Amino acid sequence: MTDQQLLARAEHDTDWHVYIDCPEQGPLGFCAEHGGDEVDLETGEYRCDPFDPDLASRVLAKAGWLAGEWRRPVEGEDEYAAWVAPVVRVEAV
């Protein structure tokens, strides 16, 4: 258990996933089970469901992580993340 603040990152790959690089447990990944994507076969347009920060925070809470406010990453912070939030380890709820 740590009270060290880390950064969670949300990425989209067929649906939304949240990742944490935990120094004690190694890389952790959680599926938000939201955000299906599709390609319009006539136009080729790619669409996906928008990111849901409340859902991502609930997924992390079930695994024992408390997420702060989600925001867009600043340049150079994470090249793959669409959203990031500070997180701390807590008891699973």
PDB file of N, CA and C in Angstrom:
ATOM      1  N   MET A   1       0.867  -1.174   0.000  1.00  0.00           N
ATOM      2  CA  MET A   1       0.000   0.000   0.000  1.00  0.00           C
ATOM      3  C   MET A   1       0.909   1.231   0.000  1.00  0.00           C
ATOM      4  N   THR A   2       0.553   2.193  -0.824  1.00  0.00           N
ATOM      5  CA  THR A   2       1.336   3.422  -0.915  1.00  0.00           C
ATOM      6  C   THR A   2       0.401   4.611  -0.956  1.00  0.00           C
ATOM      7  N   ASP A   3       0.885   5.739  -0.424  1.00  0.00           N
ATOM      8  CA  ASP A   3       0.107   6.969  -0.559  1.00  0.00           C
ATOM      9  C   ASP A   3       0.761   7.890  -1.586  1.00  0.00           C
ATOM     10  N   GLN A   4       1.752   7.341  -2.304  1.00  0.00           N
ATOM     11  CA  GLN A   4       2.421   8.089  -3.362  1.00  0.00           C
ATOM     12  C   GLN A   4       1.434   8.347  -4.503  1.00  0.00           C
ATOM     13  N   GLN A   5       1.386   9.595  -4.949  1.00  0.00           N
ATOM     14  CA  GLN A   5       0.494   9.931  -6.066  1.00  0.00           C
ATOM     15  C   GLN A   5       1.137   9.522  -7.379  1.00  0.00           C
ATOM     16  N   LEU A   6       0.364   8.817  -8.183  1.00  0.00           N
ATOM     17  CA  LEU A   6       0.805   8.368  -9.499  1.00  0.00           C
ATOM     18  C   LEU A   6      -0.126   8.961 -10.539  1.00  0.00           C
ATOM     19  N   LEU A   7       0.159   8.695 -11.798  1.00  0.00           N
ATOM     20  CA  LEU A   7      -0.668   9.205 -12.877  1.00  0.00           C
ATOM     21  C   LEU A   7      -1.341   8.039 -13.602  1.00  0.00           C
ATOM     22  N   ALA A   8      -2.670   8.054 -13.645  1.00  0.00           N
ATOM     23  CA  ALA A   8      -3.422   7.082 -14.447  1.00  0.00           C
ATOM     24  C   ALA A   8      -3.616   7.682 -15.825  1.00  0.00           C
ATOM     25  N   ARG A   9      -3.624   6.833 -16.830  1.00  0.00           N
ATOM     26  CA  ARG A   9      -3.826   7.323 -18.195  1.00  0.00           C
ATOM     27  C   ARG A   9      -4.897   6.491 -18.878  1.00  0.00           C
ATOM     28  N   ALA A  10      -5.776   7.172 -19.586  1.00  0.00           N
ATOM     29  CA  ALA A  10      -6.842   6.504 -20.321  1.00  0.00           C
ATOM     30  C   ALA A  10      -6.489   6.492 -21.795  1.00  0.00           C
ATOM     31  N   GLU A  11      -6.607   5.322 -22.402  1.00  0.00           N
ATOM     32  CA  GLU A  11      -6.318   5.147 -23.823  1.00  0.00           C
ATOM     33  C   GLU A  11      -7.469   4.378 -24.454  1.00  0.00           C
ATOM     34  N   HIS A  12      -7.686   4.600 -25.746  1.00  0.00           N
ATOM     35  CA  HIS A  12      -8.776   3.911 -26.446  1.00  0.00           C
ATOM     36  C   HIS A  12      -8.204   2.923 -27.445  1.00  0.00           C
ATOM     37  N   ASP A  13      -8.673   1.670 -27.341  1.00  0.00           N
ATOM     38  CA  ASP A  13      -8.305   0.621 -28.284  1.00  0.00           C
ATOM     39  C   ASP A  13      -9.477  -0.354 -28.320  1.00  0.00           C
ATOM     40  N   THR A  14     -10.389  -0.175 -29.189  1.00  0.00           N
ATOM     41  CA  THR A  14     -11.676  -0.861 -29.317  1.00  0.00           C
ATOM     42  C   THR A  14     -12.642  -0.504 -28.191  1.00  0.00           C
ATOM     43  N   ASP A  15     -12.130  -0.200 -27.016  1.00  0.00           N
ATOM     44  CA  ASP A  15     -12.896   0.401 -25.931  1.00  0.00           C
ATOM     45  C   ASP A  15     -11.895   1.108 -25.010  1.00  0.00           C
ATOM     46  N   TRP A  16     -12.395   1.800 -23.995  1.00  0.00           N
ATOM     47  CA  TRP A  16     -11.512   2.582 -23.121  1.00  0.00           C
ATOM     48  C   TRP A  16     -10.838   1.699 -22.077  1.00  0.00           C
ATOM     49  N   HIS A  17      -9.536   1.920 -21.893  1.00  0.00           N
ATOM     50  CA  HIS A  17      -8.734   1.242 -20.879  1.00  0.00           C
ATOM     51  C   HIS A  17      -8.023   2.295 -20.044  1.00  0.00           C
ATOM     52  N   VAL A  18      -7.756   1.949 -18.783  1.00  0.00           N
ATOM     53  CA  VAL A  18      -7.028   2.844 -17.889  1.00  0.00           C
ATOM     54  C   VAL A  18      -5.788   2.098 -17.401  1.00  0.00           C
ATOM     55  N   TYR A  19      -4.647   2.777 -17.435  1.00  0.00           N
ATOM     56  CA  TYR A  19      -3.369   2.170 -17.054  1.00  0.00           C
ATOM     57  C   TYR A  19      -2.699   2.967 -15.949  1.00  0.00           C
ATOM     58  N   ILE A  20      -2.005   2.244 -15.066  1.00  0.00           N
ATOM     59  CA  ILE A  20      -1.209   2.850 -14.005  1.00  0.00           C
ATOM     60  C   ILE A  20       0.126   2.126 -13.976  1.00  0.00           C
ATOM     61  N   ASP A  21       1.226   2.855 -13.932  1.00  0.00           N
ATOM     62  CA  ASP A  21       2.550   2.254 -13.750  1.00  0.00           C
ATOM     63  C   ASP A  21       2.856   2.293 -12.258  1.00  0.00           C
ATOM     64  N   CYS A  22       2.514   1.217 -11.560  1.00  0.00           N
ATOM     65  CA  CYS A  22       2.667   1.141 -10.112  1.00  0.00           C
ATOM     66  C   CYS A  22       4.072   0.643  -9.765  1.00  0.00           C
ATOM     67  N   PRO A  23       4.817   1.389  -8.944  1.00  0.00           N
ATOM     68  CA  PRO A  23       6.169   0.947  -8.609  1.00  0.00           C
ATOM     69  C   PRO A  23       6.196  -0.340  -7.786  1.00  0.00           C
ATOM     70  N   GLU A  24       5.115  -0.645  -7.075  1.00  0.00           N
ATOM     71  CA  GLU A  24       5.077  -1.846  -6.239  1.00  0.00           C
ATOM     72  C   GLU A  24       4.520  -3.069  -6.964  1.00  0.00           C
ATOM     73  N   GLN A  25       3.532  -2.859  -7.852  1.00  0.00           N
ATOM     74  CA  GLN A  25       2.868  -3.974  -8.516  1.00  0.00           C
ATOM     75  C   GLN A  25       3.207  -4.088  -9.996  1.00  0.00           C
ATOM     76  N   GLY A  26       3.932  -3.139 -10.525  1.00  0.00           N
ATOM     77  CA  GLY A  26       4.248  -3.133 -11.938  1.00  0.00           C
ATOM     78  C   GLY A  26       3.135  -2.480 -12.740  1.00  0.00           C
ATOM     79  N   PRO A  27       3.158  -2.609 -14.057  1.00  0.00           N
ATOM     80  CA  PRO A  27       2.124  -2.002 -14.900  1.00  0.00           C
ATOM     81  C   PRO A  27       0.761  -2.646 -14.654  1.00  0.00           C
ATOM     82  N   LEU A  28      -0.244  -1.807 -14.451  1.00  0.00           N
ATOM     83  CA  LEU A  28      -1.605  -2.281 -14.223  1.00  0.00           C
ATOM     84  C   LEU A  28      -2.517  -1.758 -15.317  1.00  0.00           C
ATOM     85  N   GLY A  29      -3.457  -2.567 -15.751  1.00  0.00           N
ATOM     86  CA  GLY A  29      -4.407  -2.151 -16.770  1.00  0.00           C
ATOM     87  C   GLY A  29      -5.816  -2.566 -16.392  1.00  0.00           C
ATOM     88  N   PHE A  30      -6.766  -1.686 -16.662  1.00  0.00           N
ATOM     89  CA  PHE A  30      -8.163  -1.919 -16.325  1.00  0.00           C
ATOM     90  C   PHE A  30      -9.033  -1.568 -17.527  1.00  0.00           C
ATOM     91  N   CYS A  31      -9.955  -2.457 -17.861  1.00  0.00           N
ATOM     92  CA  CYS A  31     -10.879  -2.194 -18.966  1.00  0.00           C
ATOM     93  C   CYS A  31     -12.104  -1.479 -18.429  1.00  0.00           C
ATOM     94  N   ALA A  32     -12.449  -0.350 -19.035  1.00  0.00           N
ATOM     95  CA  ALA A  32     -13.620   0.404 -18.602  1.00  0.00           C
ATOM     96  C   ALA A  32     -14.911  -0.162 -19.199  1.00  0.00           C
ATOM     97  N   GLU A  33     -14.791  -1.134 -20.101  1.00  0.00           N
ATOM     98  CA  GLU A  33     -15.947  -1.766 -20.731  1.00  0.00           C
ATOM     99  C   GLU A  33     -16.923  -0.742 -21.298  1.00  0.00           C
ATOM    100  N   HIS A  34     -16.373   0.274 -21.901  1.00  0.00           N
ATOM    101  CA  HIS A  34     -17.166   1.346 -22.502  1.00  0.00           C
ATOM    102  C   HIS A  34     -16.358   1.928 -23.650  1.00  0.00           C
ATOM    103  N   GLY A  35     -17.044   2.404 -24.650  1.00  0.00           N
ATOM    104  CA  GLY A  35     -16.341   3.120 -25.705  1.00  0.00           C
ATOM    105  C   GLY A  35     -16.169   2.338 -26.971  1.00  0.00           C
ATOM    106  N   GLY A  36     -17.126   1.515 -27.278  1.00  0.00           N
ATOM    107  CA  GLY A  36     -17.038   0.764 -28.524  1.00  0.00           C
ATOM    108  C   GLY A  36     -16.781   1.675 -29.712  1.00  0.00           C
ATOM    109  N   ASP A  37     -16.110   1.146 -30.695  1.00  0.00           N
ATOM    110  CA  ASP A  37     -15.806   1.945 -31.877  1.00  0.00           C
ATOM    111  C   ASP A  37     -16.401   1.285 -33.114  1.00  0.00           C
ATOM    112  N   GLU A  38     -16.493   2.069 -34.169  1.00  0.00           N
ATOM    113  CA  GLU A  38     -17.000   1.550 -35.438  1.00  0.00           C
ATOM    114  C   GLU A  38     -16.470   2.403 -36.572  1.00  0.00           C
ATOM    115  N   VAL A  39     -16.444   1.803 -37.732  1.00  0.00           N
ATOM    116  CA  VAL A  39     -16.061   2.506 -38.949  1.00  0.00           C
ATOM    117  C   VAL A  39     -17.254   2.464 -39.894  1.00  0.00           C
ATOM    118  N   ASP A  40     -17.654   3.630 -40.364  1.00  0.00           N
ATOM    119  CA  ASP A  40     -18.734   3.716 -41.346  1.00  0.00           C
ATOM    120  C   ASP A  40     -18.193   3.152 -42.653  1.00  0.00           C
ATOM    121  N   LEU A  41     -18.756   2.051 -43.117  1.00  0.00           N
ATOM    122  CA  LEU A  41     -18.229   1.376 -44.303  1.00  0.00           C
ATOM    123  C   LEU A  41     -18.408   2.188 -45.584  1.00  0.00           C
ATOM    124  N   GLU A  42     -19.354   3.103 -45.604  1.00  0.00           N
ATOM    125  CA  GLU A  42     -19.551   3.935 -46.791  1.00  0.00           C
ATOM    126  C   GLU A  42     -18.586   5.107 -46.843  1.00  0.00           C
ATOM    127  N   THR A  43     -18.372   5.762 -45.692  1.00  0.00           N
ATOM    128  CA  THR A  43     -17.528   6.963 -45.682  1.00  0.00           C
ATOM    129  C   THR A  43     -16.119   6.701 -45.176  1.00  0.00           C
ATOM    130  N   GLY A  44     -15.925   5.581 -44.460  1.00  0.00           N
ATOM    131  CA  GLY A  44     -14.627   5.308 -43.859  1.00  0.00           C
ATOM    132  C   GLY A  44     -14.397   6.087 -42.573  1.00  0.00           C
ATOM    133  N   GLU A  45     -15.415   6.816 -42.114  1.00  0.00           N
ATOM    134  CA  GLU A  45     -15.275   7.621 -40.899  1.00  0.00           C
ATOM    135  C   GLU A  45     -15.199   6.716 -39.671  1.00  0.00           C
ATOM    136  N   TYR A  46     -14.212   6.993 -38.817  1.00  0.00           N
ATOM    137  CA  TYR A  46     -14.019   6.243 -37.576  1.00  0.00           C
ATOM    138  C   TYR A  46     -14.681   6.999 -36.432  1.00  0.00           C
ATOM    139  N   ARG A  47     -15.467   6.288 -35.619  1.00  0.00           N
ATOM    140  CA  ARG A  47     -16.120   6.900 -34.469  1.00  0.00           C
ATOM    141  C   ARG A  47     -15.955   5.994 -33.252  1.00  0.00           C
ATOM    142  N   CYS A  48     -15.839   6.619 -32.070  1.00  0.00           N
ATOM    143  CA  CYS A  48     -15.845   5.856 -30.832  1.00  0.00           C
ATOM    144  C   CYS A  48     -16.640   6.631 -29.786  1.00  0.00           C
ATOM    145  N   ASP A  49     -17.127   5.905 -28.791  1.00  0.00           N
ATOM    146  CA  ASP A  49     -17.860   6.554 -27.713  1.00  0.00           C
ATOM    147  C   ASP A  49     -16.908   7.473 -26.952  1.00  0.00           C
ATOM    148  N   PRO A  50     -17.412   8.592 -26.450  1.00  0.00           N
ATOM    149  CA  PRO A  50     -16.549   9.514 -25.714  1.00  0.00           C
ATOM    150  C   PRO A  50     -16.093   8.929 -24.385  1.00  0.00           C
ATOM    151  N   PHE A  51     -14.984   9.431 -23.894  1.00  0.00           N
ATOM    152  CA  PHE A  51     -14.442   9.019 -22.608  1.00  0.00           C
ATOM    153  C   PHE A  51     -15.391   9.422 -21.489  1.00  0.00           C
ATOM    154  N   ASP A  52     -15.603   8.531 -20.530  1.00  0.00           N
ATOM    155  CA  ASP A  52     -16.464   8.787 -19.377  1.00  0.00           C
ATOM    156  C   ASP A  52     -15.591   8.803 -18.118  1.00  0.00           C
ATOM    157  N   PRO A  53     -15.208   9.995 -17.633  1.00  0.00           N
ATOM    158  CA  PRO A  53     -14.310  10.068 -16.475  1.00  0.00           C
ATOM    159  C   PRO A  53     -14.914   9.463 -15.205  1.00  0.00           C
ATOM    160  N   ASP A  54     -16.217   9.572 -15.026  1.00  0.00           N
ATOM    161  CA  ASP A  54     -16.840   8.983 -13.838  1.00  0.00           C
ATOM    162  C   ASP A  54     -16.739   7.462 -13.859  1.00  0.00           C
ATOM    163  N   LEU A  55     -16.984   6.875 -15.021  1.00  0.00           N
ATOM    164  CA  LEU A  55     -16.869   5.428 -15.153  1.00  0.00           C
ATOM    165  C   LEU A  55     -15.426   4.982 -14.917  1.00  0.00           C
ATOM    166  N   ALA A  56     -14.462   5.685 -15.489  1.00  0.00           N
ATOM    167  CA  ALA A  56     -13.050   5.332 -15.300  1.00  0.00           C
ATOM    168  C   ALA A  56     -12.677   5.409 -13.820  1.00  0.00           C
ATOM    169  N   SER A  57     -13.158   6.423 -13.123  1.00  0.00           N
ATOM    170  CA  SER A  57     -12.869   6.560 -11.691  1.00  0.00           C
ATOM    171  C   SER A  57     -13.496   5.419 -10.888  1.00  0.00           C
ATOM    172  N   ARG A  58     -14.711   4.994 -11.256  1.00  0.00           N
ATOM    173  CA  ARG A  58     -15.364   3.874 -10.566  1.00  0.00           C
ATOM    174  C   ARG A  58     -14.607   2.567 -10.794  1.00  0.00           C
ATOM    175  N   VAL A  59     -14.135   2.349 -12.011  1.00  0.00           N
ATOM    176  CA  VAL A  59     -13.355   1.141 -12.315  1.00  0.00           C
ATOM    177  C   VAL A  59     -12.094   1.110 -11.456  1.00  0.00           C
ATOM    178  N   LEU A  60     -11.417   2.244 -11.346  1.00  0.00           N
ATOM    179  CA  LEU A  60     -10.214   2.304 -10.518  1.00  0.00           C
ATOM    180  C   LEU A  60     -10.547   2.118  -9.043  1.00  0.00           C
ATOM    181  N   ALA A  61     -11.645   2.699  -8.578  1.00  0.00           N
ATOM    182  CA  ALA A  61     -12.038   2.572  -7.172  1.00  0.00           C
ATOM    183  C   ALA A  61     -12.281   1.109  -6.794  1.00  0.00           C
ATOM    184  N   LYS A  62     -12.902   0.349  -7.691  1.00  0.00           N
ATOM    185  CA  LYS A  62     -13.140  -1.076  -7.424  1.00  0.00           C
ATOM    186  C   LYS A  62     -11.836  -1.840  -7.250  1.00  0.00           C
ATOM    187  N   ALA A  63     -10.773  -1.344  -7.865  1.00  0.00           N
ATOM    188  CA  ALA A  63      -9.469  -1.987  -7.766  1.00  0.00           C
ATOM    189  C   ALA A  63      -8.611  -1.376  -6.656  1.00  0.00           C
ATOM    190  N   GLY A  64      -9.176  -0.410  -5.916  1.00  0.00           N
ATOM    191  CA  GLY A  64      -8.439   0.158  -4.784  1.00  0.00           C
ATOM    192  C   GLY A  64      -7.656   1.416  -5.089  1.00  0.00           C
ATOM    193  N   TRP A  65      -8.057   2.147  -6.112  1.00  0.00           N
ATOM    194  CA  TRP A  65      -7.376   3.385  -6.489  1.00  0.00           C
ATOM    195  C   TRP A  65      -8.357   4.555  -6.453  1.00  0.00           C
ATOM    196  N   LEU A  66      -7.925   5.669  -5.890  1.00  0.00           N
ATOM    197  CA  LEU A  66      -8.722   6.888  -5.856  1.00  0.00           C
ATOM    198  C   LEU A  66      -8.180   7.844  -6.914  1.00  0.00           C
ATOM    199  N   ALA A  67      -9.036   8.200  -7.874  1.00  0.00           N
ATOM    200  CA  ALA A  67      -8.625   9.078  -8.973  1.00  0.00           C
ATOM    201  C   ALA A  67      -9.024  10.519  -8.677  1.00  0.00           C
ATOM    202  N   GLY A  68      -8.148  11.424  -9.041  1.00  0.00           N
ATOM    203  CA  GLY A  68      -8.452  12.848  -8.976  1.00  0.00           C
ATOM    204  C   GLY A  68      -9.159  13.277 -10.251  1.00  0.00           C
ATOM    205  N   GLU A  69      -9.062  14.545 -10.566  1.00  0.00           N
ATOM    206  CA  GLU A  69      -9.750  15.083 -11.744  1.00  0.00           C
ATOM    207  C   GLU A  69      -9.047  14.663 -13.037  1.00  0.00           C
ATOM    208  N   TRP A  70      -9.838  14.175 -13.976  1.00  0.00           N
ATOM    209  CA  TRP A  70      -9.310  13.783 -15.285  1.00  0.00           C
ATOM    210  C   TRP A  70      -9.104  15.031 -16.133  1.00  0.00           C
ATOM    211  N   ARG A  71      -8.022  15.037 -16.913  1.00  0.00           N
ATOM    212  CA  ARG A  71      -7.692  16.169 -17.784  1.00  0.00           C
ATOM    213  C   ARG A  71      -6.936  15.645 -18.997  1.00  0.00           C
ATOM    214  N   ARG A  72      -6.820  16.494 -20.005  1.00  0.00           N
ATOM    215  CA  ARG A  72      -5.999  16.148 -21.172  1.00  0.00           C
ATOM    216  C   ARG A  72      -4.527  16.243 -20.764  1.00  0.00           C
ATOM    217  N   PRO A  73      -3.683  15.331 -21.247  1.00  0.00           N
ATOM    218  CA  PRO A  73      -2.258  15.412 -20.905  1.00  0.00           C
ATOM    219  C   PRO A  73      -1.597  16.621 -21.555  1.00  0.00           C
ATOM    220  N   VAL A  74      -0.598  17.153 -20.871  1.00  0.00           N
ATOM    221  CA  VAL A  74       0.168  18.253 -21.443  1.00  0.00           C
ATOM    222  C   VAL A  74       1.232  17.662 -22.371  1.00  0.00           C
ATOM    223  N   GLU A  75       1.720  18.465 -23.268  1.00  0.00           N
ATOM    224  CA  GLU A  75       2.711  18.001 -24.249  1.00  0.00           C
ATOM    225  C   GLU A  75       3.915  17.385 -23.544  1.00  0.00           C
ATOM    226  N   GLY A  76       4.306  16.190 -23.983  1.00  0.00           N
ATOM    227  CA  GLY A  76       5.451  15.499 -23.425  1.00  0.00           C
ATOM    228  C   GLY A  76       5.128  14.646 -22.206  1.00  0.00           C
ATOM    229  N   GLU A  77       3.899  14.722 -21.706  1.00  0.00           N
ATOM    230  CA  GLU A  77       3.536  13.963 -20.505  1.00  0.00           C
ATOM    231  C   GLU A  77       3.306  12.486 -20.832  1.00  0.00           C
ATOM    232  N   ASP A  78       2.524  12.216 -21.844  1.00  0.00           N
ATOM    233  CA  ASP A  78       2.267  10.845 -22.281  1.00  0.00           C
ATOM    234  C   ASP A  78       1.783  10.903 -23.717  1.00  0.00           C
ATOM    235  N   GLU A  79       2.507  10.269 -24.614  1.00  0.00           N
ATOM    236  CA  GLU A  79       2.177  10.399 -26.030  1.00  0.00           C
ATOM    237  C   GLU A  79       0.965   9.585 -26.461  1.00  0.00           C
ATOM    238  N   TYR A  80       0.546   8.590 -25.669  1.00  0.00           N
ATOM    239  CA  TYR A  80      -0.573   7.740 -26.061  1.00  0.00           C
ATOM    240  C   TYR A  80      -1.874   8.044 -25.317  1.00  0.00           C
ATOM    241  N   ALA A  81      -1.767   8.661 -24.161  1.00  0.00           N
ATOM    242  CA  ALA A  81      -2.956   8.898 -23.337  1.00  0.00           C
ATOM    243  C   ALA A  81      -3.850   9.971 -23.934  1.00  0.00           C
ATOM    244  N   ALA A  82      -5.152   9.720 -23.889  1.00  0.00           N
ATOM    245  CA  ALA A  82      -6.125  10.726 -24.282  1.00  0.00           C
ATOM    246  C   ALA A  82      -6.526  11.567 -23.071  1.00  0.00           C
ATOM    247  N   TRP A  83      -6.494  10.946 -21.884  1.00  0.00           N
ATOM    248  CA  TRP A  83      -6.838  11.596 -20.621  1.00  0.00           C
ATOM    249  C   TRP A  83      -5.900  11.084 -19.539  1.00  0.00           C
ATOM    250  N   VAL A  84      -5.623  11.899 -18.520  1.00  0.00           N
ATOM    251  CA  VAL A  84      -4.822  11.484 -17.371  1.00  0.00           C
ATOM    252  C   VAL A  84      -5.477  12.012 -16.094  1.00  0.00           C
ATOM    253  N   ALA A  85      -5.158  11.337 -14.980  1.00  0.00           N
ATOM    254  CA  ALA A  85      -5.652  11.776 -13.677  1.00  0.00           C
ATOM    255  C   ALA A  85      -4.664  11.319 -12.611  1.00  0.00           C
ATOM    256  N   PRO A  86      -4.465  12.122 -11.577  1.00  0.00           N
ATOM    257  CA  PRO A  86      -3.647  11.648 -10.453  1.00  0.00           C
ATOM    258  C   PRO A  86      -4.406  10.565  -9.699  1.00  0.00           C
ATOM    259  N   VAL A  87      -3.695   9.559  -9.224  1.00  0.00           N
ATOM    260  CA  VAL A  87      -4.311   8.481  -8.459  1.00  0.00           C
ATOM    261  C   VAL A  87      -3.465   8.161  -7.241  1.00  0.00           C
ATOM    262  N   VAL A  88      -4.116   7.675  -6.190  1.00  0.00           N
ATOM    263  CA  VAL A  88      -3.436   7.143  -5.011  1.00  0.00           C
ATOM    264  C   VAL A  88      -4.078   5.813  -4.663  1.00  0.00           C
ATOM    265  N   ARG A  89      -3.286   4.926  -4.075  1.00  0.00           N
ATOM    266  CA  ARG A  89      -3.774   3.602  -3.661  1.00  0.00           C
ATOM    267  C   ARG A  89      -4.544   3.747  -2.361  1.00  0.00           C
ATOM    268  N   VAL A  90      -5.729   3.150  -2.308  1.00  0.00           N
ATOM    269  CA  VAL A  90      -6.566   3.128  -1.120  1.00  0.00           C
ATOM    270  C   VAL A  90      -7.133   1.723  -0.974  1.00  0.00           C
ATOM    271  N   GLU A  91      -7.910   1.507   0.048  1.00  0.00           N
ATOM    272  CA  GLU A  91      -8.579   0.213   0.193  1.00  0.00           C
ATOM    273  C   GLU A  91      -9.634   0.070  -0.899  1.00  0.00           C
ATOM    274  N   ALA A  92      -9.768  -1.121  -1.447  1.00  0.00           N
ATOM    275  CA  ALA A  92     -10.794  -1.367  -2.464  1.00  0.00           C
ATOM    276  C   ALA A  92     -12.168  -1.152  -1.852  1.00  0.00           C
ATOM    277  N   VAL A  93     -13.068  -0.571  -2.650  1.00  0.00           N
ATOM    278  CA  VAL A  93     -14.434  -0.317  -2.159  1.00  0.00           C
ATOM    279  C   VAL A  93     -15.401  -1.319  -2.742  1.00  0.00           C
TER     280      VAL A  93
END
